[in-house]
Amino acid sequence: MAASARLQKELERKATIALATTTDPLERLRAECLKRGAQGIKGLSLLFRIMDDNGDRKLNMEEFQKGVQEYGLNFSKADINELFRKFDTDKNGSIDYEEFLFRLRPPMNNFRLDLVAKAFAKLDKNHDGQITIEDLRGVFNVKKNSKYLSGDMDEDKGLREFLNSFDYGEHIDGVVTREEFNNYYSGVSASIDNDMYFDLMMRNAWKL
């Protein structure tokens, strides 16, 4: 279930406050992402892959600096250098994809991670690590969608629209990976302070 407009607004509010109060470059980067909504983290992770020219899942300082600038982040050279050091946890002079996402994602506790994992497992019917239209048939109901009720879209189009809500920008492929699902809900989670409310939202959305 995509984040509601209310949750998106709350996410933007919290991110704006964080930007006004924190001087830590990593927190500022995370807040800049989340200000763009629950898909902000995914957008930056996609940019990582775009900047990874040789496909080795690593970024050197030059690639990282270019990526931060292309994302529209007004960071000083000193901030970028500090960010690079924070992401380069093994101190080998490059940032790999796992290091990047581990540090950037808003942290979710084990309680929330378990709910997200259960939701993904329910949707991934054939257990291949990704969610497609075929996985969603009989699991996700589009028949309450106003466009479906008005006859403006059929079930397949409704399922594709749902999958597209997890994609970012022009990167729309009709497939949701576990990584994309986790990225998305890390953003949603950041807008919800109370574990019980997060639990209620996930259970109502996915009938867990």
N, C-alpha and C. Protein backbone atom coordinates (compact mmCIF):
# COMPACT_ATOMS: atom_id res chain seq x y z
N MET A 1 0.85 -1.19 0.00
CA MET A 1 0.00 0.00 0.00
C MET A 1 0.88 1.24 0.00
N ALA A 2 0.67 2.11 -0.95
CA ALA A 2 1.47 3.33 -1.02
C ALA A 2 1.16 4.23 0.15
N ALA A 3 2.14 5.04 0.51
CA ALA A 3 1.94 5.95 1.63
C ALA A 3 0.82 6.93 1.32
N SER A 4 -0.03 7.17 2.31
CA SER A 4 -1.14 8.10 2.11
C SER A 4 -0.61 9.53 2.02
N ALA A 5 -1.48 10.40 1.51
CA ALA A 5 -1.10 11.82 1.41
C ALA A 5 -0.77 12.39 2.78
N ARG A 6 -1.49 11.93 3.80
CA ARG A 6 -1.25 12.43 5.16
C ARG A 6 0.14 12.02 5.65
N LEU A 7 0.52 10.78 5.40
CA LEU A 7 1.84 10.32 5.81
C LEU A 7 2.94 11.03 5.03
N GLN A 8 2.70 11.24 3.75
CA GLN A 8 3.68 11.97 2.95
C GLN A 8 3.87 13.39 3.48
N LYS A 9 2.78 14.02 3.86
CA LYS A 9 2.87 15.38 4.40
C LYS A 9 3.62 15.39 5.72
N GLU A 10 3.38 14.39 6.56
CA GLU A 10 4.07 14.30 7.84
C GLU A 10 5.56 14.05 7.63
N LEU A 11 5.88 13.24 6.64
CA LEU A 11 7.27 12.97 6.31
C LEU A 11 7.97 14.26 5.88
N GLU A 12 7.31 15.02 5.04
CA GLU A 12 7.88 16.29 4.58
C GLU A 12 8.06 17.26 5.74
N ARG A 13 7.08 17.29 6.67
CA ARG A 13 7.17 18.19 7.82
C ARG A 13 8.38 17.84 8.69
N LYS A 14 8.55 16.55 8.98
CA LYS A 14 9.67 16.13 9.82
C LYS A 14 11.01 16.39 9.14
N ALA A 15 11.06 16.16 7.84
CA ALA A 15 12.30 16.39 7.11
C ALA A 15 12.67 17.86 7.11
N THR A 16 11.67 18.73 6.97
CA THR A 16 11.92 20.17 6.96
C THR A 16 12.47 20.63 8.31
N ILE A 17 11.90 20.09 9.39
CA ILE A 17 12.39 20.42 10.73
C ILE A 17 13.83 19.95 10.90
N ALA A 18 14.10 18.73 10.45
CA ALA A 18 15.46 18.19 10.57
C ALA A 18 16.47 19.04 9.81
N LEU A 19 16.08 19.49 8.63
CA LEU A 19 16.99 20.32 7.83
C LEU A 19 17.30 21.64 8.52
N ALA A 20 16.32 22.14 9.28
CA ALA A 20 16.50 23.43 9.95
C ALA A 20 17.28 23.31 11.24
N THR A 21 17.41 22.09 11.77
CA THR A 21 18.00 21.94 13.10
C THR A 21 19.30 21.15 13.14
N THR A 22 19.56 20.33 12.12
CA THR A 22 20.76 19.48 12.18
C THR A 22 21.89 20.05 11.32
N THR A 23 23.11 19.84 11.79
CA THR A 23 24.28 20.24 11.01
C THR A 23 25.04 19.02 10.50
N ASP A 24 24.62 17.84 10.93
CA ASP A 24 25.29 16.61 10.51
C ASP A 24 24.99 16.35 9.04
N PRO A 25 26.02 16.22 8.18
CA PRO A 25 25.79 16.04 6.75
C PRO A 25 24.95 14.81 6.41
N LEU A 26 25.15 13.71 7.14
CA LEU A 26 24.38 12.50 6.86
C LEU A 26 22.90 12.71 7.17
N GLU A 27 22.62 13.34 8.31
CA GLU A 27 21.22 13.62 8.67
C GLU A 27 20.59 14.58 7.67
N ARG A 28 21.38 15.54 7.20
CA ARG A 28 20.86 16.49 6.21
C ARG A 28 20.56 15.80 4.89
N LEU A 29 21.45 14.90 4.48
CA LEU A 29 21.22 14.15 3.24
C LEU A 29 19.96 13.30 3.36
N ARG A 30 19.82 12.61 4.47
CA ARG A 30 18.64 11.77 4.68
C ARG A 30 17.36 12.62 4.67
N ALA A 31 17.43 13.79 5.34
CA ALA A 31 16.26 14.68 5.38
C ALA A 31 15.93 15.22 3.99
N GLU A 32 16.94 15.54 3.21
CA GLU A 32 16.71 16.02 1.84
C GLU A 32 16.00 14.95 1.01
N CYS A 33 16.39 13.70 1.22
CA CYS A 33 15.73 12.60 0.51
C CYS A 33 14.28 12.47 0.94
N LEU A 34 14.06 12.45 2.26
CA LEU A 34 12.72 12.21 2.79
C LEU A 34 11.77 13.37 2.51
N LYS A 35 12.34 14.56 2.32
CA LYS A 35 11.49 15.71 1.98
C LYS A 35 10.80 15.48 0.64
N ARG A 36 11.35 14.60 -0.16
CA ARG A 36 10.78 14.28 -1.46
C ARG A 36 9.75 13.17 -1.37
N GLY A 37 9.43 12.75 -0.15
CA GLY A 37 8.43 11.71 0.04
C GLY A 37 9.06 10.36 0.30
N ALA A 38 8.21 9.36 0.49
CA ALA A 38 8.68 8.03 0.85
C ALA A 38 9.57 7.42 -0.23
N GLN A 39 9.51 7.93 -1.46
CA GLN A 39 10.33 7.40 -2.53
C GLN A 39 11.69 8.09 -2.62
N GLY A 40 11.94 9.06 -1.75
CA GLY A 40 13.19 9.80 -1.84
C GLY A 40 14.44 8.95 -1.68
N ILE A 41 14.41 8.02 -0.75
CA ILE A 41 15.56 7.14 -0.55
C ILE A 41 15.79 6.30 -1.80
N LYS A 42 14.70 5.82 -2.38
CA LYS A 42 14.83 5.03 -3.59
C LYS A 42 15.41 5.86 -4.72
N GLY A 43 15.02 7.12 -4.79
CA GLY A 43 15.54 7.98 -5.84
C GLY A 43 17.03 8.14 -5.76
N LEU A 44 17.54 8.28 -4.54
CA LEU A 44 18.99 8.44 -4.39
C LEU A 44 19.71 7.12 -4.62
N SER A 45 19.10 6.01 -4.23
CA SER A 45 19.73 4.71 -4.48
C SER A 45 19.77 4.43 -5.98
N LEU A 46 18.75 4.87 -6.71
CA LEU A 46 18.76 4.73 -8.16
C LEU A 46 19.88 5.58 -8.76
N LEU A 47 20.05 6.79 -8.23
CA LEU A 47 21.11 7.66 -8.71
C LEU A 47 22.48 7.01 -8.49
N PHE A 48 22.64 6.32 -7.36
CA PHE A 48 23.89 5.60 -7.09
C PHE A 48 24.21 4.66 -8.26
N ARG A 49 23.20 3.90 -8.68
CA ARG A 49 23.43 2.93 -9.74
C ARG A 49 23.72 3.61 -11.09
N ILE A 50 23.08 4.75 -11.31
CA ILE A 50 23.34 5.50 -12.54
C ILE A 50 24.78 6.00 -12.57
N MET A 51 25.28 6.46 -11.41
CA MET A 51 26.64 6.99 -11.34
C MET A 51 27.71 5.90 -11.37
N ASP A 52 27.31 4.67 -11.11
CA ASP A 52 28.24 3.55 -11.08
C ASP A 52 28.51 3.10 -12.52
N ASP A 53 29.36 3.83 -13.21
CA ASP A 53 29.56 3.65 -14.65
C ASP A 53 30.00 2.25 -15.04
N ASN A 54 30.88 1.65 -14.27
CA ASN A 54 31.40 0.33 -14.66
C ASN A 54 30.63 -0.84 -14.03
N GLY A 55 29.57 -0.51 -13.28
CA GLY A 55 28.72 -1.55 -12.73
C GLY A 55 29.33 -2.38 -11.63
N ASP A 56 30.36 -1.86 -10.94
CA ASP A 56 31.00 -2.65 -9.88
C ASP A 56 30.38 -2.41 -8.51
N ARG A 57 29.28 -1.65 -8.47
CA ARG A 57 28.55 -1.36 -7.24
C ARG A 57 29.42 -0.61 -6.23
N LYS A 58 30.31 0.24 -6.76
CA LYS A 58 31.14 1.08 -5.91
C LYS A 58 31.23 2.48 -6.50
N LEU A 59 31.40 3.48 -5.63
CA LEU A 59 31.59 4.86 -6.06
C LEU A 59 32.88 5.39 -5.46
N ASN A 60 33.71 6.02 -6.31
CA ASN A 60 34.86 6.74 -5.77
C ASN A 60 34.44 8.16 -5.41
N MET A 61 35.35 8.97 -4.89
CA MET A 61 35.00 10.31 -4.45
C MET A 61 34.44 11.16 -5.58
N GLU A 62 35.05 11.06 -6.76
CA GLU A 62 34.60 11.87 -7.89
C GLU A 62 33.18 11.52 -8.30
N GLU A 63 32.89 10.22 -8.38
CA GLU A 63 31.54 9.78 -8.74
C GLU A 63 30.53 10.19 -7.68
N PHE A 64 30.91 10.05 -6.41
CA PHE A 64 30.01 10.41 -5.31
C PHE A 64 29.69 11.90 -5.34
N GLN A 65 30.70 12.72 -5.53
CA GLN A 65 30.49 14.17 -5.56
C GLN A 65 29.56 14.55 -6.71
N LYS A 66 29.78 13.96 -7.87
CA LYS A 66 28.93 14.26 -9.02
C LYS A 66 27.49 13.83 -8.76
N GLY A 67 27.31 12.66 -8.12
CA GLY A 67 25.97 12.18 -7.81
C GLY A 67 25.22 13.09 -6.87
N VAL A 68 25.90 13.55 -5.80
CA VAL A 68 25.27 14.46 -4.84
C VAL A 68 24.85 15.75 -5.53
N GLN A 69 25.70 16.27 -6.41
CA GLN A 69 25.39 17.51 -7.10
C GLN A 69 24.23 17.32 -8.08
N GLU A 70 24.20 16.18 -8.79
CA GLU A 70 23.13 15.94 -9.75
C GLU A 70 21.78 15.72 -9.08
N TYR A 71 21.81 15.30 -7.83
CA TYR A 71 20.56 15.13 -7.08
C TYR A 71 20.02 16.47 -6.60
N GLY A 72 20.78 17.54 -6.81
CA GLY A 72 20.32 18.88 -6.45
C GLY A 72 20.58 19.25 -5.00
N LEU A 73 21.59 18.62 -4.39
CA LEU A 73 21.90 18.89 -3.00
C LEU A 73 22.98 19.96 -2.91
N ASN A 74 22.69 21.01 -2.20
CA ASN A 74 23.60 22.14 -2.08
C ASN A 74 24.56 21.92 -0.91
N PHE A 75 25.49 20.96 -1.08
CA PHE A 75 26.44 20.63 -0.03
C PHE A 75 27.81 21.20 -0.38
N SER A 76 28.53 21.66 0.63
CA SER A 76 29.87 22.17 0.41
C SER A 76 30.82 21.00 0.17
N LYS A 77 32.02 21.33 -0.33
CA LYS A 77 33.02 20.29 -0.56
C LYS A 77 33.38 19.60 0.75
N ALA A 78 33.44 20.38 1.85
CA ALA A 78 33.75 19.79 3.16
C ALA A 78 32.67 18.82 3.59
N ASP A 79 31.39 19.19 3.35
CA ASP A 79 30.28 18.30 3.70
C ASP A 79 30.35 17.01 2.90
N ILE A 80 30.65 17.13 1.60
CA ILE A 80 30.73 15.94 0.74
C ILE A 80 31.86 15.03 1.20
N ASN A 81 33.00 15.63 1.56
CA ASN A 81 34.13 14.84 2.05
C ASN A 81 33.76 14.10 3.34
N GLU A 82 33.05 14.80 4.24
CA GLU A 82 32.64 14.16 5.49
C GLU A 82 31.64 13.05 5.23
N LEU A 83 30.69 13.29 4.32
CA LEU A 83 29.72 12.26 3.95
C LEU A 83 30.43 11.02 3.40
N PHE A 84 31.38 11.26 2.52
CA PHE A 84 32.10 10.13 1.92
C PHE A 84 32.76 9.29 3.00
N ARG A 85 33.38 9.96 3.98
CA ARG A 85 34.02 9.23 5.07
C ARG A 85 33.01 8.44 5.89
N LYS A 86 31.81 9.01 6.10
CA LYS A 86 30.77 8.31 6.87
C LYS A 86 30.27 7.07 6.13
N PHE A 87 30.12 7.18 4.80
CA PHE A 87 29.62 6.06 4.02
C PHE A 87 30.69 4.99 3.82
N ASP A 88 31.93 5.39 3.72
CA ASP A 88 33.02 4.45 3.48
C ASP A 88 33.41 3.77 4.79
N THR A 89 32.55 2.87 5.25
CA THR A 89 32.72 2.29 6.59
C THR A 89 33.94 1.38 6.69
N ASP A 90 34.35 0.75 5.59
CA ASP A 90 35.53 -0.11 5.66
C ASP A 90 36.81 0.62 5.28
N LYS A 91 36.69 1.94 5.02
CA LYS A 91 37.85 2.82 4.79
C LYS A 91 38.76 2.33 3.66
N ASN A 92 38.14 1.86 2.58
CA ASN A 92 38.95 1.41 1.44
C ASN A 92 38.97 2.40 0.29
N GLY A 93 38.42 3.61 0.52
CA GLY A 93 38.48 4.65 -0.50
C GLY A 93 37.35 4.62 -1.51
N SER A 94 36.37 3.76 -1.29
CA SER A 94 35.19 3.72 -2.16
C SER A 94 33.96 3.36 -1.33
N ILE A 95 32.79 3.67 -1.88
CA ILE A 95 31.53 3.37 -1.19
C ILE A 95 30.82 2.29 -1.98
N ASP A 96 30.55 1.15 -1.35
CA ASP A 96 29.77 0.15 -2.06
C ASP A 96 28.29 0.34 -1.77
N TYR A 97 27.48 -0.32 -2.57
CA TYR A 97 26.03 -0.10 -2.53
C TYR A 97 25.43 -0.44 -1.17
N GLU A 98 25.92 -1.52 -0.56
CA GLU A 98 25.39 -1.93 0.74
C GLU A 98 25.73 -0.90 1.83
N GLU A 99 26.97 -0.41 1.81
CA GLU A 99 27.36 0.64 2.76
C GLU A 99 26.46 1.86 2.61
N PHE A 100 26.22 2.22 1.37
CA PHE A 100 25.44 3.41 1.06
C PHE A 100 24.02 3.31 1.63
N LEU A 101 23.33 2.23 1.29
CA LEU A 101 21.94 2.10 1.74
C LEU A 101 21.85 1.88 3.25
N PHE A 102 22.80 1.14 3.80
CA PHE A 102 22.77 0.89 5.25
C PHE A 102 22.83 2.19 6.04
N ARG A 103 23.69 3.12 5.61
CA ARG A 103 23.81 4.38 6.33
C ARG A 103 22.70 5.37 6.01
N LEU A 104 22.16 5.29 4.78
CA LEU A 104 21.20 6.31 4.35
C LEU A 104 19.77 6.01 4.79
N ARG A 105 19.37 4.76 4.75
CA ARG A 105 18.00 4.44 5.13
C ARG A 105 17.69 4.90 6.55
N PRO A 106 16.53 5.52 6.76
CA PRO A 106 16.11 5.79 8.14
C PRO A 106 16.00 4.45 8.86
N PRO A 107 16.58 4.33 10.03
CA PRO A 107 16.59 3.02 10.70
C PRO A 107 15.19 2.56 11.08
N MET A 108 14.91 1.27 10.86
CA MET A 108 13.69 0.64 11.34
C MET A 108 14.08 -0.39 12.38
N ASN A 109 13.33 -0.46 13.47
CA ASN A 109 13.63 -1.48 14.47
C ASN A 109 13.19 -2.85 13.95
N ASN A 110 13.58 -3.89 14.67
CA ASN A 110 13.29 -5.26 14.23
C ASN A 110 11.80 -5.54 14.13
N PHE A 111 11.02 -4.89 14.99
CA PHE A 111 9.56 -5.06 14.97
C PHE A 111 9.01 -4.62 13.61
N ARG A 112 9.45 -3.46 13.14
CA ARG A 112 8.96 -2.94 11.87
C ARG A 112 9.54 -3.72 10.68
N LEU A 113 10.82 -4.06 10.78
CA LEU A 113 11.44 -4.83 9.71
C LEU A 113 10.71 -6.16 9.50
N ASP A 114 10.28 -6.77 10.59
CA ASP A 114 9.57 -8.05 10.51
C ASP A 114 8.23 -7.88 9.80
N LEU A 115 7.53 -6.78 10.08
CA LEU A 115 6.24 -6.53 9.41
C LEU A 115 6.43 -6.31 7.92
N VAL A 116 7.46 -5.55 7.57
CA VAL A 116 7.73 -5.29 6.15
C VAL A 116 8.10 -6.60 5.44
N ALA A 117 8.90 -7.43 6.10
CA ALA A 117 9.29 -8.71 5.51
C ALA A 117 8.08 -9.62 5.32
N LYS A 118 7.16 -9.62 6.27
CA LYS A 118 5.95 -10.44 6.16
C LYS A 118 5.07 -9.96 5.01
N ALA A 119 4.96 -8.64 4.85
CA ALA A 119 4.16 -8.10 3.76
C ALA A 119 4.76 -8.48 2.41
N PHE A 120 6.09 -8.36 2.29
CA PHE A 120 6.73 -8.71 1.03
C PHE A 120 6.54 -10.20 0.73
N ALA A 121 6.71 -11.04 1.75
CA ALA A 121 6.58 -12.49 1.55
C ALA A 121 5.16 -12.85 1.10
N LYS A 122 4.16 -12.14 1.62
CA LYS A 122 2.78 -12.42 1.22
C LYS A 122 2.55 -12.05 -0.24
N LEU A 123 3.12 -10.94 -0.67
CA LEU A 123 2.93 -10.49 -2.04
C LEU A 123 3.76 -11.31 -3.04
N ASP A 124 4.95 -11.74 -2.62
CA ASP A 124 5.85 -12.49 -3.51
C ASP A 124 5.42 -13.95 -3.52
N LYS A 125 4.37 -14.26 -4.25
CA LYS A 125 3.76 -15.58 -4.19
C LYS A 125 4.68 -16.70 -4.68
N ASN A 126 5.51 -16.42 -5.69
CA ASN A 126 6.37 -17.49 -6.21
C ASN A 126 7.76 -17.47 -5.59
N HIS A 127 7.97 -16.59 -4.60
CA HIS A 127 9.20 -16.56 -3.79
C HIS A 127 10.47 -16.37 -4.64
N ASP A 128 10.38 -15.51 -5.66
CA ASP A 128 11.56 -15.25 -6.48
C ASP A 128 12.24 -13.93 -6.13
N GLY A 129 11.79 -13.29 -5.04
CA GLY A 129 12.44 -12.06 -4.59
C GLY A 129 11.99 -10.81 -5.28
N GLN A 130 10.88 -10.88 -6.02
CA GLN A 130 10.33 -9.68 -6.64
C GLN A 130 8.83 -9.83 -6.79
N ILE A 131 8.15 -8.67 -6.86
CA ILE A 131 6.70 -8.66 -6.97
C ILE A 131 6.32 -8.17 -8.37
N THR A 132 5.50 -8.96 -9.06
CA THR A 132 5.02 -8.61 -10.39
C THR A 132 3.48 -8.63 -10.39
N ILE A 133 2.91 -8.28 -11.52
CA ILE A 133 1.45 -8.31 -11.65
C ILE A 133 0.92 -9.71 -11.34
N GLU A 134 1.61 -10.73 -11.82
CA GLU A 134 1.14 -12.10 -11.59
C GLU A 134 1.12 -12.43 -10.10
N ASP A 135 2.10 -11.93 -9.35
CA ASP A 135 2.11 -12.15 -7.90
C ASP A 135 0.90 -11.50 -7.23
N LEU A 136 0.49 -10.34 -7.77
CA LEU A 136 -0.55 -9.56 -7.11
C LEU A 136 -1.96 -10.08 -7.35
N ARG A 137 -2.15 -10.85 -8.41
CA ARG A 137 -3.50 -11.34 -8.72
C ARG A 137 -4.04 -12.15 -7.54
N GLY A 138 -5.21 -11.78 -7.10
CA GLY A 138 -5.84 -12.47 -5.99
C GLY A 138 -5.33 -12.07 -4.63
N VAL A 139 -4.31 -11.19 -4.59
CA VAL A 139 -3.75 -10.72 -3.31
C VAL A 139 -4.06 -9.25 -3.09
N PHE A 140 -3.90 -8.45 -4.14
CA PHE A 140 -4.17 -7.02 -4.05
C PHE A 140 -5.45 -6.71 -4.82
N ASN A 141 -6.42 -6.11 -4.16
CA ASN A 141 -7.74 -5.85 -4.73
C ASN A 141 -7.83 -4.43 -5.27
N VAL A 142 -8.02 -4.31 -6.58
CA VAL A 142 -8.14 -2.97 -7.18
C VAL A 142 -9.61 -2.56 -7.35
N LYS A 143 -10.54 -3.42 -6.97
CA LYS A 143 -11.94 -3.19 -7.31
C LYS A 143 -12.59 -2.05 -6.53
N LYS A 144 -11.87 -1.54 -5.50
CA LYS A 144 -12.39 -0.38 -4.78
C LYS A 144 -11.79 0.92 -5.32
N ASN A 145 -10.86 0.80 -6.25
CA ASN A 145 -10.25 1.98 -6.85
C ASN A 145 -11.30 2.73 -7.67
N SER A 146 -11.34 4.05 -7.51
CA SER A 146 -12.36 4.85 -8.20
C SER A 146 -12.25 4.73 -9.72
N LYS A 147 -11.04 4.59 -10.24
CA LYS A 147 -10.85 4.46 -11.68
C LYS A 147 -11.41 3.13 -12.18
N TYR A 148 -11.26 2.08 -11.35
CA TYR A 148 -11.81 0.78 -11.72
C TYR A 148 -13.34 0.83 -11.71
N LEU A 149 -13.88 1.45 -10.67
CA LEU A 149 -15.33 1.54 -10.54
C LEU A 149 -15.96 2.35 -11.67
N SER A 150 -15.23 3.35 -12.16
CA SER A 150 -15.77 4.19 -13.23
C SER A 150 -15.54 3.58 -14.61
N GLY A 151 -14.79 2.47 -14.67
CA GLY A 151 -14.52 1.82 -15.94
C GLY A 151 -13.33 2.40 -16.69
N ASP A 152 -12.58 3.30 -16.03
CA ASP A 152 -11.44 3.93 -16.69
C ASP A 152 -10.21 3.03 -16.72
N MET A 153 -10.21 1.96 -15.91
CA MET A 153 -9.09 1.03 -15.99
C MET A 153 -9.55 -0.37 -15.62
N ASP A 154 -8.88 -1.37 -16.19
CA ASP A 154 -9.18 -2.76 -15.86
C ASP A 154 -8.27 -3.22 -14.72
N GLU A 155 -8.38 -4.49 -14.35
CA GLU A 155 -7.61 -4.98 -13.20
C GLU A 155 -6.11 -4.92 -13.46
N ASP A 156 -5.67 -5.32 -14.67
CA ASP A 156 -4.23 -5.30 -14.96
C ASP A 156 -3.65 -3.89 -14.85
N LYS A 157 -4.38 -2.92 -15.37
CA LYS A 157 -3.91 -1.54 -15.30
C LYS A 157 -3.85 -1.06 -13.86
N GLY A 158 -4.83 -1.50 -13.06
CA GLY A 158 -4.84 -1.13 -11.64
C GLY A 158 -3.66 -1.73 -10.89
N LEU A 159 -3.34 -3.00 -11.20
CA LEU A 159 -2.21 -3.64 -10.56
C LEU A 159 -0.90 -2.98 -10.97
N ARG A 160 -0.79 -2.62 -12.26
CA ARG A 160 0.42 -1.95 -12.74
C ARG A 160 0.56 -0.57 -12.07
N GLU A 161 -0.55 0.12 -11.90
CA GLU A 161 -0.51 1.44 -11.24
C GLU A 161 0.00 1.30 -9.81
N PHE A 162 -0.43 0.24 -9.14
CA PHE A 162 0.04 0.00 -7.78
C PHE A 162 1.55 -0.26 -7.77
N LEU A 163 2.03 -1.12 -8.66
CA LEU A 163 3.46 -1.41 -8.72
C LEU A 163 4.27 -0.15 -9.03
N ASN A 164 3.72 0.70 -9.89
CA ASN A 164 4.43 1.92 -10.28
C ASN A 164 4.62 2.87 -9.11
N SER A 165 3.77 2.76 -8.09
CA SER A 165 3.87 3.67 -6.94
C SER A 165 5.16 3.43 -6.16
N PHE A 166 5.79 2.27 -6.36
CA PHE A 166 7.05 1.97 -5.68
C PHE A 166 8.25 2.40 -6.52
N ASP A 167 8.01 2.75 -7.77
CA ASP A 167 9.10 3.19 -8.64
C ASP A 167 9.32 4.68 -8.49
N TYR A 168 10.42 5.14 -9.07
CA TYR A 168 10.82 6.53 -8.88
C TYR A 168 11.16 7.16 -10.22
N GLY A 169 10.61 8.37 -10.46
CA GLY A 169 10.93 9.12 -11.66
C GLY A 169 10.58 8.35 -12.92
N GLU A 170 11.55 8.24 -13.83
CA GLU A 170 11.31 7.56 -15.10
C GLU A 170 11.64 6.07 -15.02
N HIS A 171 12.13 5.63 -13.87
CA HIS A 171 12.52 4.23 -13.72
C HIS A 171 11.28 3.42 -13.33
N ILE A 172 10.48 3.04 -14.32
CA ILE A 172 9.25 2.30 -14.08
C ILE A 172 9.32 1.00 -14.87
N ASP A 173 9.43 -0.13 -14.15
CA ASP A 173 9.60 -1.40 -14.84
C ASP A 173 8.54 -2.43 -14.48
N GLY A 174 7.57 -2.07 -13.64
CA GLY A 174 6.51 -3.01 -13.30
C GLY A 174 6.94 -4.14 -12.40
N VAL A 175 8.11 -3.99 -11.78
CA VAL A 175 8.64 -5.02 -10.87
C VAL A 175 9.11 -4.34 -9.60
N VAL A 176 8.77 -4.91 -8.45
CA VAL A 176 9.21 -4.38 -7.16
C VAL A 176 10.11 -5.42 -6.51
N THR A 177 11.38 -5.08 -6.31
CA THR A 177 12.30 -5.99 -5.64
C THR A 177 12.17 -5.83 -4.12
N ARG A 178 12.75 -6.77 -3.40
CA ARG A 178 12.75 -6.68 -1.94
C ARG A 178 13.44 -5.39 -1.49
N GLU A 179 14.54 -5.06 -2.15
CA GLU A 179 15.28 -3.84 -1.82
C GLU A 179 14.42 -2.60 -2.02
N GLU A 180 13.69 -2.54 -3.15
CA GLU A 180 12.81 -1.40 -3.42
C GLU A 180 11.69 -1.31 -2.39
N PHE A 181 11.14 -2.45 -2.03
CA PHE A 181 10.07 -2.50 -1.04
C PHE A 181 10.58 -1.99 0.31
N ASN A 182 11.76 -2.44 0.72
CA ASN A 182 12.34 -1.99 1.99
C ASN A 182 12.68 -0.50 1.95
N ASN A 183 13.24 -0.04 0.83
CA ASN A 183 13.54 1.39 0.70
C ASN A 183 12.29 2.23 0.87
N TYR A 184 11.23 1.79 0.21
CA TYR A 184 9.98 2.55 0.26
C TYR A 184 9.45 2.63 1.69
N TYR A 185 9.40 1.48 2.36
CA TYR A 185 8.81 1.48 3.70
C TYR A 185 9.74 2.07 4.76
N SER A 186 11.03 2.18 4.47
CA SER A 186 11.89 2.92 5.40
C SER A 186 11.50 4.39 5.39
N GLY A 187 11.09 4.89 4.21
CA GLY A 187 10.60 6.25 4.13
C GLY A 187 9.26 6.42 4.83
N VAL A 188 8.34 5.50 4.60
CA VAL A 188 7.05 5.55 5.28
C VAL A 188 7.23 5.48 6.79
N SER A 189 8.10 4.58 7.24
CA SER A 189 8.34 4.41 8.67
C SER A 189 8.82 5.69 9.33
N ALA A 190 9.63 6.47 8.59
CA ALA A 190 10.17 7.70 9.15
C ALA A 190 9.10 8.72 9.47
N SER A 191 7.91 8.57 8.88
CA SER A 191 6.82 9.52 9.14
C SER A 191 5.94 9.08 10.31
N ILE A 192 6.22 7.88 10.88
CA ILE A 192 5.35 7.30 11.92
C ILE A 192 6.17 7.06 13.18
N ASP A 193 5.83 7.75 14.26
CA ASP A 193 6.58 7.61 15.50
C ASP A 193 6.21 6.36 16.29
N ASN A 194 4.95 5.98 16.21
CA ASN A 194 4.43 4.93 17.08
C ASN A 194 4.46 3.55 16.40
N ASP A 195 5.11 2.58 17.05
CA ASP A 195 5.19 1.24 16.48
C ASP A 195 3.82 0.61 16.28
N MET A 196 2.91 0.85 17.21
CA MET A 196 1.59 0.23 17.11
C MET A 196 0.81 0.78 15.92
N TYR A 197 1.01 2.06 15.62
CA TYR A 197 0.34 2.63 14.45
C TYR A 197 0.93 2.05 13.17
N PHE A 198 2.26 1.89 13.15
CA PHE A 198 2.89 1.28 11.98
C PHE A 198 2.38 -0.15 11.81
N ASP A 199 2.26 -0.87 12.91
CA ASP A 199 1.74 -2.24 12.89
C ASP A 199 0.32 -2.25 12.33
N LEU A 200 -0.53 -1.34 12.81
CA LEU A 200 -1.92 -1.28 12.36
C LEU A 200 -1.98 -0.97 10.87
N MET A 201 -1.17 -0.01 10.43
CA MET A 201 -1.16 0.36 9.02
C MET A 201 -0.77 -0.82 8.14
N MET A 202 0.29 -1.54 8.51
CA MET A 202 0.76 -2.66 7.71
C MET A 202 -0.24 -3.81 7.72
N ARG A 203 -0.80 -4.10 8.89
CA ARG A 203 -1.75 -5.22 8.97
C ARG A 203 -3.04 -4.91 8.22
N ASN A 204 -3.51 -3.68 8.29
CA ASN A 204 -4.71 -3.31 7.53
C ASN A 204 -4.46 -3.33 6.03
N ALA A 205 -3.26 -2.88 5.64
CA ALA A 205 -2.93 -2.80 4.21
C ALA A 205 -2.79 -4.19 3.59
N TRP A 206 -2.13 -5.08 4.31
CA TRP A 206 -1.77 -6.37 3.72
C TRP A 206 -2.46 -7.57 4.38
N LYS A 207 -3.38 -7.30 5.31
CA LYS A 207 -4.12 -8.37 5.98
C LYS A 207 -3.16 -9.42 6.56
N LEU A 208 -2.17 -8.91 7.30
CA LEU A 208 -1.16 -9.80 7.89
C LEU A 208 -1.71 -10.55 9.09
